[in-house]
Amino acid sequence: MNDYLSIIKKDFIVLAENIIKKNIIDNNFNIDNISIDYNSKSKKGDISTNFLILLRNNLIDKNFDIQDFIYKEIDKFEYIERIEISNSGFVNIFFQTNYLFKKLKEIFINPLNYGNNNNGKGHKINIEFVSANPTGPIHIAHIRGAVLGDVLSSIYEKNGYDVTREYYVNDSGSQIAILGDSLFKRYTELNGKKITINSNEYPGEYLIDIAKKIFDKDGNKWLDENLEKTKKYFCQFAVNEILKNIKLDLKLINIKFDKFTNESDIIVDNYIDKVFNLLKDQKLLYEGVLDKPQGEDQIEWEPRKQLLFKSSKLLDDKDRPFKKSNGEWTYFANDSAYHYNKFIRNYKKLINIWGADHIGYINRMKSIVEIISGKKDYLYIKTCQIVRLIKDDNFIKMSKREGNFVTLKQIHEHIGSDAIRYFMISSKSETPMDLNLNKVLEKNKDNPVFYCQYAYARASSVINKSKEFDKFKNFIDNIDKFNISSLSIYEWNLILKILSWPYLLNQTTHLMQPHKITNYLEDICSDFHSFWNRGKDNQSLRIIDENHYEKTLTKLIWIDSFRIVLKRAFDVIGIDAPENM
């Protein structure tokens, strides 16, 4: 099943290739620049394209009448009724109505999978997201990436890919040691001892609850145990309990992972040695001293010789420490080993969702993965900017160091799963977001979650109402009586947008921008509400009219297709489609 937008885009590409072969335009013509405008308010036809403008800019013979040539060539497209060319060169295209009706009928062939395709051909893709250190609860800084990763996974699945949702558990290293020490202090506090929480330790009260579990089970047993054994036990217990709670919290917003990979297992299985040998064989390691860096990179900087990776030979601006002077592997080495592990699992592509604070880490990671995989762009890293919370017109101040942060569980209790999932992908992830906890609960058109779900409920109410009339009860069985001539311009524009869903779903995969789905929903739902409201004053736009069978049938068919597409989009985002509101 091919959607009408993909078909015309493909035909334009074929036409461009033929024009190049005829030496009408030069070989520098980039087919990727061909755009199809199908949803802007400014377009004049059913769709508009910049195709002619691009051709003019690449003409070999500037006297060649490319406009007349395009008129004749596009006229051969059997599904096009006519074209109009604007003064600026945009080609406005009008489709044959019967062709679009045929596309509308396809929605009802397999409504549960409408828009899905097999472009991915079952190729395996790994999407790693959240991967928050198991040192505390999931909080606002993690939620955007969590929803983004899950929705991207759904989008890839709808496009025929075999997706693994993965969480990397950083269960070793200095932060876990500090976590274990912090938990032990809380445990000793329960045993009647006074404690002092140092500035580098974890002050959160969640550790008190975990300490109580150990105390209830073991009493004061660990006060006199071997120190090394105690440290190991408290580290493992803390990680296991926190990870268990992380899974439960993510389940609140319907996020589940296919695989959890522990950093400790990567270390034990000697994947670092495998990467080390690979880099050594390619002469990409050397001993040297780096200039003192700025920011987080100071953590692994030493004023002495270290084993360095020649990442500046690839995508990075400088070389990076791979092994410390004391013989310990760096964090970067561990992360490299983990990506080696993912590579040997035969994924077609790796996608990581990172916080914006890791932007400086991207090029070194892409460099090492290029060496591991032998492929450019094998790893794609998408970043998420911060989310600021607003309540009662004030920003909520948070400090992880002070243990003062808003958890996913707290936000879920306040606004629910649908609002969280929708708003977290409602804008480009690379731009900061302000989430107003008051406004997301409002039931009006300023709240897009309510507005879109209300459109679905309205459409459902019409379809359910129609079943009360015998003549309309099985209206889909009479789809061939669809009367195109009875459609208003408002309905026609809605149908065009309904039919653009498969193209949008496919494009969202390439662009990796789920916010385009929420933009689409808000646009099409706004048009539907406008149509609905016009029917209050205009008898001809009212939906169910027993005296006009074909006209009512036609409206019911496109409204049901609208409902189907909304449900598909809601499924991708992971929100409910309420029949009643």
Protein backbone atom coordinates (compact mmCIF):
# COMPACT_ATOMS: atom_id res chain seq x y z
CA MET A 1 0.00 0.00 0.00
CA ASN A 2 1.60 3.25 -1.17
CA ASP A 3 0.33 6.62 0.03
CA TYR A 4 -0.34 9.32 -2.52
CA LEU A 5 2.45 11.61 -1.29
CA SER A 6 5.14 8.92 -1.48
CA ILE A 7 3.95 8.00 -4.97
CA ILE A 8 4.21 11.54 -6.33
CA LYS A 9 7.56 12.10 -4.59
CA LYS A 10 8.90 8.94 -6.22
CA ASP A 11 7.55 10.00 -9.63
CA PHE A 12 9.24 13.40 -9.30
CA ILE A 13 12.53 11.69 -8.48
CA VAL A 14 12.24 9.41 -11.53
CA LEU A 15 11.36 12.42 -13.68
CA ALA A 16 14.38 14.34 -12.35
CA GLU A 17 16.68 11.39 -13.11
CA ASN A 18 15.35 11.25 -16.68
CA ILE A 19 15.85 15.00 -17.12
CA ILE A 20 19.47 14.61 -15.97
CA LYS A 21 19.99 11.82 -18.52
CA LYS A 22 18.70 14.15 -21.24
CA ASN A 23 21.32 16.73 -20.23
CA ILE A 24 18.66 19.33 -19.49
CA ILE A 25 19.94 19.88 -15.95
CA ASP A 26 23.38 19.24 -14.49
CA ASN A 27 24.45 16.29 -12.39
CA ASN A 28 24.63 18.42 -9.24
CA PHE A 29 20.84 18.33 -8.93
CA ASN A 30 20.04 16.97 -5.47
CA ILE A 31 16.82 14.96 -5.42
CA ASP A 32 16.76 15.16 -1.62
CA ASN A 33 15.90 18.85 -1.95
CA ILE A 34 12.56 18.10 -3.61
CA SER A 35 9.92 19.11 -1.09
CA ILE A 36 6.22 18.27 -1.00
CA ASP A 37 4.09 20.79 0.87
CA TYR A 38 0.91 19.03 1.89
CA ASN A 39 -0.17 20.77 5.08
CA SER A 40 0.74 24.45 5.12
CA LYS A 41 -2.00 27.07 5.05
CA SER A 42 -0.24 28.93 2.21
CA LYS A 43 -0.33 26.14 -0.40
CA LYS A 44 -2.68 26.77 -3.33
CA GLY A 45 -3.36 23.25 -4.63
CA ASP A 46 -3.95 19.90 -2.96
CA ILE A 47 -0.17 19.90 -2.61
CA SER A 48 2.62 22.21 -3.70
CA THR A 49 6.22 21.46 -4.67
CA ASN A 50 9.46 23.36 -5.31
CA PHE A 51 10.36 20.92 -8.11
CA LEU A 52 10.33 23.48 -10.93
CA ILE A 53 12.35 26.00 -8.91
CA LEU A 54 15.07 23.41 -8.35
CA LEU A 55 15.11 22.49 -12.04
CA ARG A 56 15.46 26.13 -13.09
CA ASN A 57 18.41 26.59 -10.76
CA ASN A 58 20.20 23.63 -12.35
CA LEU A 59 19.44 24.22 -16.06
CA ILE A 60 22.35 23.66 -18.43
CA ASP A 61 20.70 25.66 -21.23
CA LYS A 62 19.14 28.72 -19.59
CA ASN A 63 16.98 29.29 -22.71
CA PHE A 64 15.30 25.89 -22.43
CA ASP A 65 11.57 26.22 -21.64
CA ILE A 66 11.59 24.01 -18.56
CA GLN A 67 8.13 25.21 -17.47
CA ASP A 68 6.45 24.01 -20.66
CA PHE A 69 8.40 20.76 -20.42
CA ILE A 70 7.17 20.18 -16.85
CA TYR A 71 3.57 20.91 -17.83
CA LYS A 72 3.73 18.18 -20.46
CA GLU A 73 5.55 15.65 -18.29
CA ILE A 74 3.35 16.02 -15.20
CA ASP A 75 0.27 15.83 -17.42
CA LYS A 76 1.28 12.20 -18.00
CA PHE A 77 0.75 11.40 -14.31
CA GLU A 78 -2.64 9.71 -14.50
CA TYR A 79 -3.63 10.60 -10.93
CA ILE A 80 -3.26 14.37 -11.43
CA GLU A 81 -6.25 16.45 -12.52
CA ARG A 82 -4.33 19.64 -13.27
CA ILE A 83 -1.42 21.81 -12.19
CA GLU A 84 -0.97 25.53 -11.74
CA ILE A 85 2.41 27.24 -11.61
CA SER A 86 2.77 30.30 -9.43
CA ASN A 87 4.82 33.36 -10.38
CA SER A 88 7.50 32.25 -7.91
CA GLY A 89 7.75 28.84 -9.59
CA PHE A 90 5.93 26.61 -7.13
CA VAL A 91 3.91 23.87 -8.81
CA ASN A 92 0.42 23.58 -7.31
CA ILE A 93 -1.04 20.14 -7.95
CA PHE A 94 -4.68 19.06 -7.91
CA PHE A 95 -5.41 15.32 -7.73
CA GLN A 96 -8.16 13.42 -9.46
CA THR A 97 -10.91 12.92 -6.91
CA ASN A 98 -11.45 9.28 -7.83
CA TYR A 99 -7.78 8.59 -7.19
CA LEU A 100 -7.97 10.03 -3.69
CA PHE A 101 -11.20 8.15 -3.03
CA LYS A 102 -9.36 4.95 -3.91
CA LYS A 103 -6.70 5.90 -1.34
CA LEU A 104 -9.40 6.63 1.23
CA LYS A 105 -10.87 3.15 0.74
CA GLU A 106 -7.48 1.61 1.50
CA ILE A 107 -7.75 2.85 5.09
CA PHE A 108 -10.55 0.37 5.73
CA ILE A 109 -8.68 -2.63 4.29
CA ASN A 110 -6.52 -2.95 7.41
CA PRO A 111 -7.44 -0.07 9.75
CA LEU A 112 -5.41 -1.38 12.69
CA ASN A 113 -2.21 -1.05 10.66
CA TYR A 114 -3.01 1.87 8.40
CA GLY A 115 0.14 3.83 7.66
CA ASN A 116 2.49 1.04 8.66
CA ASN A 117 5.01 -0.10 6.08
CA ASN A 118 7.85 -2.54 5.64
CA ASN A 119 10.54 -0.05 4.63
CA GLY A 120 12.75 -1.38 7.42
CA LYS A 121 12.54 -4.93 6.01
CA GLY A 122 12.94 -6.38 9.48
CA HIS A 123 16.39 -4.85 10.01
CA LYS A 124 17.47 -4.77 13.64
CA ILE A 125 17.88 -1.39 15.33
CA ASN A 126 19.04 -0.76 18.88
CA ILE A 127 17.67 2.32 20.64
CA GLU A 128 19.32 2.96 23.98
CA PHE A 129 17.63 5.52 26.18
CA VAL A 130 17.16 6.63 29.78
CA SER A 131 20.21 4.68 31.06
CA ALA A 132 20.06 6.83 34.19
CA ASN A 133 22.63 5.88 36.81
CA PRO A 134 20.93 3.63 39.39
CA THR A 135 21.75 6.12 42.13
CA GLY A 136 18.27 7.58 42.62
CA PRO A 137 14.71 7.76 41.30
CA ILE A 138 13.79 8.71 37.75
CA HIS A 139 13.16 12.45 37.77
CA ILE A 140 12.28 15.27 35.39
CA ALA A 141 15.74 15.34 33.78
CA HIS A 142 15.24 11.76 32.54
CA ILE A 143 11.59 11.85 31.46
CA ARG A 144 11.96 13.65 28.13
CA GLY A 145 14.57 11.21 26.88
CA ALA A 146 12.53 8.27 28.17
CA VAL A 147 9.44 9.23 26.20
CA LEU A 148 11.45 10.27 23.14
CA GLY A 149 13.24 6.92 23.04
CA ASP A 150 10.03 4.94 23.46
CA VAL A 151 8.12 6.90 20.81
CA LEU A 152 11.03 6.69 18.35
CA SER A 153 11.06 2.93 18.95
CA SER A 154 7.35 2.76 18.10
CA ILE A 155 7.88 4.84 14.96
CA TYR A 156 10.64 2.53 13.75
CA GLU A 157 8.51 -0.53 14.50
CA LYS A 158 5.61 0.91 12.46
CA ASN A 159 8.09 1.33 9.60
CA GLY A 160 9.09 -2.32 9.59
CA TYR A 161 12.18 -2.38 11.82
CA ASP A 162 12.95 -4.90 14.54
CA VAL A 163 13.66 -2.61 17.49
CA THR A 164 15.44 -3.41 20.74
CA ARG A 165 14.72 -0.93 23.53
CA GLU A 166 17.81 -1.02 25.73
CA TYR A 167 18.84 0.41 29.09
CA TYR A 168 22.53 0.53 30.03
CA VAL A 169 23.00 0.10 33.76
CA ASN A 170 26.09 1.90 35.08
CA ASP A 171 26.50 -0.40 38.07
CA SER A 172 30.23 0.03 38.65
CA GLY A 173 32.66 2.86 39.23
CA SER A 174 33.12 5.57 41.80
CA GLN A 175 29.50 6.80 41.84
CA ILE A 176 28.23 3.36 42.78
CA ALA A 177 30.86 3.13 45.53
CA ILE A 178 29.64 6.49 46.88
CA LEU A 179 26.05 5.24 46.63
CA GLY A 180 26.95 2.17 48.71
CA ASP A 181 28.66 4.34 51.33
CA SER A 182 25.64 6.67 51.46
CA LEU A 183 23.30 3.73 51.98
CA PHE A 184 25.51 2.29 54.70
CA LYS A 185 25.38 5.62 56.55
CA ARG A 186 21.59 5.53 56.48
CA TYR A 187 21.75 1.96 57.76
CA THR A 188 24.01 2.93 60.67
CA GLU A 189 21.63 5.82 61.40
CA LEU A 190 18.82 3.29 61.83
CA ASN A 191 21.09 1.49 64.28
CA GLY A 192 21.19 4.61 66.47
CA LYS A 193 24.40 6.20 65.24
CA LYS A 194 24.77 9.85 64.24
CA ILE A 195 25.84 10.42 60.65
CA THR A 196 27.13 13.23 58.46
CA ILE A 197 26.29 13.25 54.76
CA ASN A 198 29.25 14.64 52.82
CA SER A 199 28.74 16.98 49.86
CA ASN A 200 29.73 14.30 47.34
CA GLU A 201 27.33 11.70 48.79
CA TYR A 202 23.65 11.02 48.11
CA PRO A 203 21.37 12.79 50.62
CA GLY A 204 18.02 11.62 49.20
CA GLU A 205 15.48 10.21 51.63
CA TYR A 206 14.84 7.31 49.24
CA LEU A 207 18.00 5.72 50.69
CA ILE A 208 16.37 5.65 54.13
CA ASP A 209 13.61 3.41 52.76
CA ILE A 210 16.18 1.10 51.20
CA ALA A 211 18.22 1.03 54.41
CA LYS A 212 15.09 0.02 56.34
CA LYS A 213 14.76 -3.07 54.15
CA ILE A 214 18.27 -4.15 55.09
CA PHE A 215 17.70 -3.29 58.75
CA ASP A 216 14.37 -5.19 58.87
CA LYS A 217 16.03 -8.22 57.30
CA ASP A 218 19.46 -8.23 58.97
CA GLY A 219 19.23 -6.03 62.06
CA ASN A 220 22.69 -4.76 63.06
CA LYS A 221 24.53 -7.61 61.32
CA TRP A 222 26.47 -5.37 58.94
CA LEU A 223 27.99 -3.18 61.65
CA ASP A 224 30.57 -5.86 62.46
CA GLU A 225 30.99 -7.56 59.07
CA ASN A 226 34.11 -7.52 56.92
CA LEU A 227 34.42 -4.04 55.37
CA GLU A 228 35.00 -5.19 51.79
CA LYS A 229 32.09 -7.62 51.98
CA THR A 230 29.86 -4.91 53.47
CA LYS A 231 30.74 -2.36 50.79
CA LYS A 232 30.02 -4.85 48.00
CA TYR A 233 26.71 -5.88 49.57
CA PHE A 234 25.45 -2.33 50.07
CA CYS A 235 26.44 -1.31 46.54
CA GLN A 236 24.64 -4.27 44.99
CA PHE A 237 21.59 -3.92 47.23
CA ALA A 238 21.28 -0.20 46.43
CA VAL A 239 21.59 -0.75 42.67
CA ASN A 240 19.07 -3.61 42.65
CA GLU A 241 16.48 -1.71 44.70
CA ILE A 242 16.84 1.54 42.80
CA LEU A 243 16.73 -0.22 39.44
CA LYS A 244 13.60 -2.08 40.53
CA ASN A 245 11.97 1.24 41.42
CA ILE A 246 13.11 2.80 38.15
CA LYS A 247 11.36 0.01 36.24
CA LEU A 248 8.17 0.51 38.26
CA ASP A 249 8.23 4.27 37.71
CA LEU A 250 8.76 3.91 33.96
CA LYS A 251 5.90 1.44 33.84
CA LEU A 252 3.62 4.27 35.04
CA ILE A 253 4.06 5.91 31.63
CA ASN A 254 4.02 2.56 29.78
CA ILE A 255 7.73 2.31 29.09
CA LYS A 256 9.28 -1.14 29.14
CA PHE A 257 12.69 -2.26 27.97
CA ASP A 258 13.61 -5.36 26.00
CA LYS A 259 17.10 -5.53 27.46
CA PHE A 260 19.09 -4.25 30.42
CA THR A 261 22.87 -4.45 29.99
CA ASN A 262 25.07 -4.04 33.06
CA GLU A 263 28.37 -2.21 32.85
CA SER A 264 29.83 -4.76 35.28
CA ASP A 265 29.09 -7.58 32.82
CA ILE A 266 30.79 -5.67 30.00
CA ILE A 267 33.89 -5.37 32.20
CA VAL A 268 33.86 -9.02 33.34
CA ASP A 269 33.46 -10.27 29.77
CA ASN A 270 36.62 -8.38 28.70
CA TYR A 271 35.02 -6.29 25.97
CA ILE A 272 37.42 -3.47 26.79
CA ASP A 273 40.36 -5.69 25.84
CA LYS A 274 38.68 -6.41 22.51
CA VAL A 275 38.35 -2.70 21.75
CA PHE A 276 41.89 -2.07 23.01
CA ASN A 277 43.31 -4.70 20.64
CA LEU A 278 41.28 -3.28 17.75
CA LEU A 279 42.62 0.23 18.33
CA LYS A 280 46.13 -1.07 18.88
CA ASP A 281 46.07 -3.00 15.58
CA GLN A 282 44.99 0.15 13.75
CA LYS A 283 47.68 2.22 15.49
CA LEU A 284 45.11 4.54 17.05
CA LEU A 285 46.58 4.48 20.57
CA TYR A 286 49.63 6.25 21.96
CA GLU A 287 51.00 7.50 25.26
CA GLY A 288 50.85 11.23 25.81
CA VAL A 289 49.85 14.15 28.02
CA LEU A 290 46.86 16.30 27.08
CA ASP A 291 46.35 19.97 27.85
CA LYS A 292 44.04 20.56 30.79
CA PRO A 293 40.46 20.62 29.43
CA GLN A 294 37.42 22.57 30.57
CA GLY A 295 34.29 21.24 32.28
CA GLU A 296 33.52 17.57 32.86
CA ASP A 297 36.53 16.35 30.90
CA GLN A 298 38.71 17.39 33.86
CA ILE A 299 37.43 14.31 35.70
CA GLU A 300 39.67 11.98 33.70
CA TRP A 301 42.47 14.43 32.96
CA GLU A 302 45.89 13.82 34.48
CA PRO A 303 49.07 15.93 34.30
CA ARG A 304 51.00 12.82 33.32
CA LYS A 305 51.17 10.29 30.51
CA GLN A 306 48.04 8.33 29.70
CA LEU A 307 47.05 5.96 26.94
CA LEU A 308 45.24 8.16 24.42
CA PHE A 309 42.87 7.39 21.55
CA LYS A 310 43.55 9.32 18.33
CA SER A 311 39.96 10.53 18.03
CA SER A 312 41.17 13.78 16.44
CA LYS A 313 42.01 11.68 13.37
CA LEU A 314 38.28 11.04 13.01
CA LEU A 315 35.41 13.28 14.14
CA ASP A 316 36.73 14.72 17.38
CA ASP A 317 38.60 17.97 18.00
CA LYS A 318 41.18 16.36 20.29
CA ASP A 319 42.48 12.98 21.41
CA ARG A 320 40.87 11.29 24.41
CA PRO A 321 42.13 9.29 27.41
CA PHE A 322 41.51 5.56 27.05
CA LYS A 323 43.52 4.27 30.01
CA LYS A 324 44.68 6.18 33.09
CA SER A 325 48.30 6.33 34.24
CA ASN A 326 47.44 3.97 37.14
CA GLY A 327 46.29 1.28 34.70
CA GLU A 328 42.54 1.80 35.17
CA TRP A 329 40.32 2.09 32.13
CA THR A 330 38.53 5.41 31.66
CA TYR A 331 34.75 5.85 31.50
CA PHE A 332 35.19 6.36 27.77
CA ALA A 333 36.88 2.96 27.47
CA ASN A 334 33.97 1.29 29.28
CA ASP A 335 31.45 3.04 27.03
CA SER A 336 33.45 1.99 23.97
CA ALA A 337 33.36 -1.61 25.14
CA TYR A 338 29.59 -1.42 25.58
CA HIS A 339 29.15 -0.14 22.03
CA TYR A 340 31.39 -2.94 20.79
CA ASN A 341 29.01 -5.35 22.55
CA LYS A 342 26.05 -3.76 20.77
CA PHE A 343 27.83 -3.90 17.41
CA ILE A 344 28.52 -7.64 17.56
CA ARG A 345 24.81 -8.22 18.18
CA ASN A 346 24.36 -7.40 14.49
CA TYR A 347 22.23 -4.29 14.56
CA LYS A 348 21.75 -2.36 11.34
CA LYS A 349 21.95 0.89 13.28
CA LEU A 350 22.52 2.17 16.81
CA ILE A 351 20.59 5.12 18.23
CA ASN A 352 21.40 6.73 21.58
CA ILE A 353 19.23 9.28 23.37
CA TRP A 354 21.41 11.52 25.54
CA GLY A 355 20.91 14.55 27.71
CA ALA A 356 22.19 17.85 26.33
CA ASP A 357 24.91 17.87 29.01
CA HIS A 358 26.61 15.06 27.04
CA ILE A 359 26.88 16.98 23.76
CA GLY A 360 30.66 17.29 24.17
CA TYR A 361 30.87 13.48 24.34
CA ILE A 362 29.20 12.85 20.98
CA ASN A 363 32.12 13.14 18.56
CA ARG A 364 34.48 10.91 20.53
CA MET A 365 31.75 8.26 20.81
CA LYS A 366 30.91 8.43 17.12
CA SER A 367 34.64 8.22 16.34
CA ILE A 368 35.19 5.05 18.33
CA VAL A 369 32.03 3.44 16.94
CA GLU A 370 33.18 4.25 13.41
CA ILE A 371 36.36 2.27 14.12
CA ILE A 372 34.46 -0.58 15.77
CA SER A 373 31.84 -0.90 13.03
CA GLY A 374 33.84 0.23 10.01
CA LYS A 375 30.84 2.37 9.06
CA LYS A 376 30.20 6.09 9.06
CA ASP A 377 26.98 7.17 10.76
CA TYR A 378 26.42 3.71 12.24
CA LEU A 379 25.73 5.45 15.56
CA TYR A 380 23.18 8.26 15.68
CA ILE A 381 22.96 10.30 18.87
CA LYS A 382 19.91 12.43 19.56
CA THR A 383 20.03 14.88 22.45
CA CYS A 384 17.38 16.21 24.83
CA GLN A 385 17.45 19.65 26.35
CA ILE A 386 16.26 20.38 29.88
CA VAL A 387 12.63 20.54 31.00
CA ARG A 388 11.68 23.25 33.47
CA LEU A 389 8.55 22.77 35.54
CA ILE A 390 6.12 25.59 36.22
CA LYS A 391 3.44 25.48 38.88
CA ASP A 392 1.24 28.38 39.98
CA ASP A 393 3.23 30.68 37.64
CA ASN A 394 6.53 29.87 39.37
CA PHE A 395 9.43 27.72 38.24
CA ILE A 396 10.05 24.76 40.53
CA LYS A 397 13.63 24.91 41.76
CA MET A 398 15.53 21.64 41.82
CA SER A 399 18.93 20.54 43.07
CA LYS A 400 20.11 16.97 42.66
CA ARG A 401 23.02 17.63 45.01
CA GLU A 402 20.59 18.58 47.78
CA GLY A 403 18.32 15.66 46.98
CA ASN A 404 15.63 18.13 45.92
CA PHE A 405 14.17 17.05 42.59
CA VAL A 406 10.74 16.23 41.16
CA THR A 407 10.38 12.54 40.40
CA LEU A 408 8.51 10.89 37.56
CA LYS A 409 6.18 9.32 40.10
CA GLN A 410 5.26 12.74 41.52
CA ILE A 411 4.60 14.23 38.09
CA HIS A 412 2.54 11.20 37.09
CA GLU A 413 0.38 11.56 40.19
CA HIS A 414 -0.29 15.18 39.23
CA ILE A 415 -0.91 15.08 35.45
CA GLY A 416 -1.05 11.40 34.38
CA SER A 417 0.64 9.37 31.67
CA ASP A 418 -1.04 10.86 28.58
CA ALA A 419 0.00 14.43 29.37
CA ILE A 420 3.56 13.38 30.19
CA ARG A 421 4.01 11.39 26.99
CA TYR A 422 2.38 13.97 24.73
CA PHE A 423 4.15 17.05 26.02
CA MET A 424 7.58 15.41 26.23
CA ILE A 425 7.62 14.99 22.43
CA SER A 426 5.59 18.07 21.49
CA SER A 427 8.63 20.14 20.53
CA LYS A 428 12.09 19.50 19.10
CA SER A 429 14.09 17.64 21.71
CA GLU A 430 17.09 19.88 21.05
CA THR A 431 15.25 22.94 22.39
CA PRO A 432 14.55 23.59 26.11
CA MET A 433 11.00 23.01 27.29
CA ASP A 434 8.82 24.62 29.94
CA LEU A 435 6.04 22.37 31.25
CA ASN A 436 3.23 24.18 33.04
CA LEU A 437 1.69 21.67 35.43
CA ASN A 438 -1.47 23.77 35.75
CA LYS A 439 -2.15 24.29 32.06
CA VAL A 440 -1.78 20.61 31.12
CA LEU A 441 -4.83 19.87 33.29
CA GLU A 442 -7.06 22.48 31.64
CA LYS A 443 -9.93 21.22 29.50
CA ASN A 444 -9.87 23.68 26.62
CA LYS A 445 -8.29 24.24 23.20
CA ASP A 446 -5.13 25.61 24.82
CA ASN A 447 -4.39 22.11 26.11
CA PRO A 448 -3.47 20.07 22.99
CA VAL A 449 -3.82 16.70 24.74
CA PHE A 450 -7.41 17.45 25.71
CA TYR A 451 -8.13 19.10 22.35
CA CYS A 452 -6.89 16.12 20.30
CA GLN A 453 -8.52 13.48 22.48
CA TYR A 454 -11.75 15.49 22.44
CA ALA A 455 -11.67 15.43 18.62
CA TYR A 456 -11.44 11.63 18.76
CA ALA A 457 -14.32 11.47 21.26
CA ARG A 458 -16.46 13.74 19.08
CA ALA A 459 -15.79 11.62 15.99
CA SER A 460 -16.57 8.47 17.98
CA SER A 461 -19.85 9.93 19.23
CA VAL A 462 -20.99 10.46 15.62
CA ILE A 463 -20.02 6.96 14.55
CA ASN A 464 -21.73 5.45 17.60
CA LYS A 465 -24.81 7.62 17.03
CA SER A 466 -25.08 6.43 13.42
CA LYS A 467 -25.54 2.85 14.62
CA GLU A 468 -28.90 3.85 16.06
CA PHE A 469 -30.19 4.20 12.48
CA ASP A 470 -30.70 0.98 10.51
CA LYS A 471 -29.76 2.62 7.21
CA PHE A 472 -26.38 3.79 8.57
CA LYS A 473 -25.59 0.87 10.89
CA ASN A 474 -23.21 -0.79 8.40
CA PHE A 475 -22.19 2.28 6.43
CA ILE A 476 -18.71 0.95 5.57
CA ASP A 477 -20.29 -1.88 3.58
CA ASN A 478 -21.66 0.78 1.24
CA ILE A 479 -18.42 2.70 0.81
CA ASP A 480 -18.77 2.69 -2.99
CA LYS A 481 -21.72 5.05 -2.60
CA PHE A 482 -19.30 7.67 -1.29
CA ASN A 483 -20.41 10.91 -2.98
CA ILE A 484 -17.38 13.11 -3.60
CA SER A 485 -19.46 15.93 -5.03
CA SER A 486 -21.26 16.36 -1.70
CA LEU A 487 -18.05 17.27 0.12
CA SER A 488 -17.41 20.80 1.31
CA ILE A 489 -13.98 22.38 0.89
CA TYR A 490 -13.46 21.92 4.65
CA GLU A 491 -14.07 18.19 4.36
CA TRP A 492 -11.87 17.87 1.29
CA ASN A 493 -8.94 19.49 3.08
CA LEU A 494 -9.46 17.19 6.05
CA ILE A 495 -9.42 14.13 3.78
CA LEU A 496 -6.13 15.28 2.24
CA LYS A 497 -4.63 15.52 5.73
CA ILE A 498 -6.06 12.15 6.73
CA LEU A 499 -4.39 10.57 3.70
CA SER A 500 -1.04 12.18 4.53
CA TRP A 501 -0.62 10.06 7.69
CA PRO A 502 1.40 7.22 6.07
CA TYR A 503 3.79 9.73 4.47
CA LEU A 504 4.23 11.59 7.75
CA LEU A 505 4.92 8.36 9.65
CA ASN A 506 7.57 7.41 7.11
CA GLN A 507 9.15 10.88 7.10
CA THR A 508 9.28 10.95 10.90
CA THR A 509 11.52 7.89 10.78
CA HIS A 510 14.06 9.62 8.55
CA LEU A 511 13.94 12.91 10.43
CA MET A 512 13.71 11.33 13.91
CA GLN A 513 11.44 14.17 15.00
CA PRO A 514 8.35 12.81 16.77
CA HIS A 515 7.10 16.33 17.41
CA LYS A 516 5.94 16.36 13.80
CA ILE A 517 3.26 13.86 14.84
CA THR A 518 1.93 16.12 17.59
CA ASN A 519 2.05 19.05 15.14
CA TYR A 520 0.02 16.97 12.70
CA LEU A 521 -2.50 16.03 15.38
CA GLU A 522 -3.02 19.59 16.51
CA ASP A 523 -3.45 20.77 12.92
CA ILE A 524 -5.92 18.11 11.80
CA CYS A 525 -7.88 18.20 15.08
CA SER A 526 -8.18 21.97 14.88
CA ASP A 527 -9.65 21.62 11.38
CA PHE A 528 -12.05 18.93 12.59
CA HIS A 529 -13.29 21.06 15.50
CA SER A 530 -13.76 23.99 13.11
CA PHE A 531 -15.82 21.80 10.78
CA TRP A 532 -17.86 20.55 13.73
CA ASN A 533 -18.58 24.06 14.96
CA ARG A 534 -19.59 25.24 11.48
CA GLY A 535 -22.23 22.53 11.47
CA LYS A 536 -23.99 24.25 14.36
CA ASP A 537 -24.86 27.18 12.08
CA ASN A 538 -24.75 25.55 8.65
CA GLN A 539 -27.33 22.82 8.01
CA SER A 540 -25.39 21.48 5.01
CA LEU A 541 -22.39 20.67 7.22
CA ARG A 542 -24.33 18.69 9.79
CA ILE A 543 -23.32 15.07 9.80
CA ILE A 544 -26.33 12.79 10.25
CA ASP A 545 -29.33 13.62 8.07
CA GLU A 546 -31.79 10.77 7.49
CA ASN A 547 -33.22 12.53 4.46
CA HIS A 548 -29.89 12.64 2.63
CA TYR A 549 -28.49 9.11 2.68
CA GLU A 550 -25.44 9.46 0.41
CA LYS A 551 -24.41 12.77 1.91
CA THR A 552 -24.59 11.34 5.44
CA LEU A 553 -22.85 8.15 4.33
CA THR A 554 -20.02 10.19 2.81
CA LYS A 555 -19.52 12.15 6.01
CA LEU A 556 -19.56 9.03 8.17
CA ILE A 557 -16.92 7.38 6.00
CA TRP A 558 -14.41 10.22 6.11
CA ILE A 559 -15.09 10.84 9.83
CA ASP A 560 -14.44 7.18 10.57
CA SER A 561 -11.20 7.38 8.57
CA PHE A 562 -10.29 10.46 10.61
CA ARG A 563 -10.92 8.46 13.78
CA ILE A 564 -8.76 5.59 12.53
CA VAL A 565 -5.83 7.89 11.76
CA LEU A 566 -6.09 9.62 15.14
CA LYS A 567 -6.04 6.24 16.87
CA ARG A 568 -2.93 5.23 14.90
CA ALA A 569 -1.17 8.47 15.85
CA PHE A 570 -2.22 8.10 19.50
CA ASP A 571 -0.85 4.55 19.49
CA VAL A 572 2.53 5.76 18.26
CA ILE A 573 2.70 8.42 20.96
CA GLY A 574 1.35 6.01 23.56
CA ILE A 575 -1.77 7.89 24.71
CA ASP A 576 -5.38 6.79 25.12
CA ALA A 577 -8.13 7.29 22.53
CA PRO A 578 -11.24 7.95 24.65
CA GLU A 579 -14.65 7.17 23.16
CA ASN A 580 -16.30 9.59 25.57
CA MET A 581 -15.18 12.78 27.30
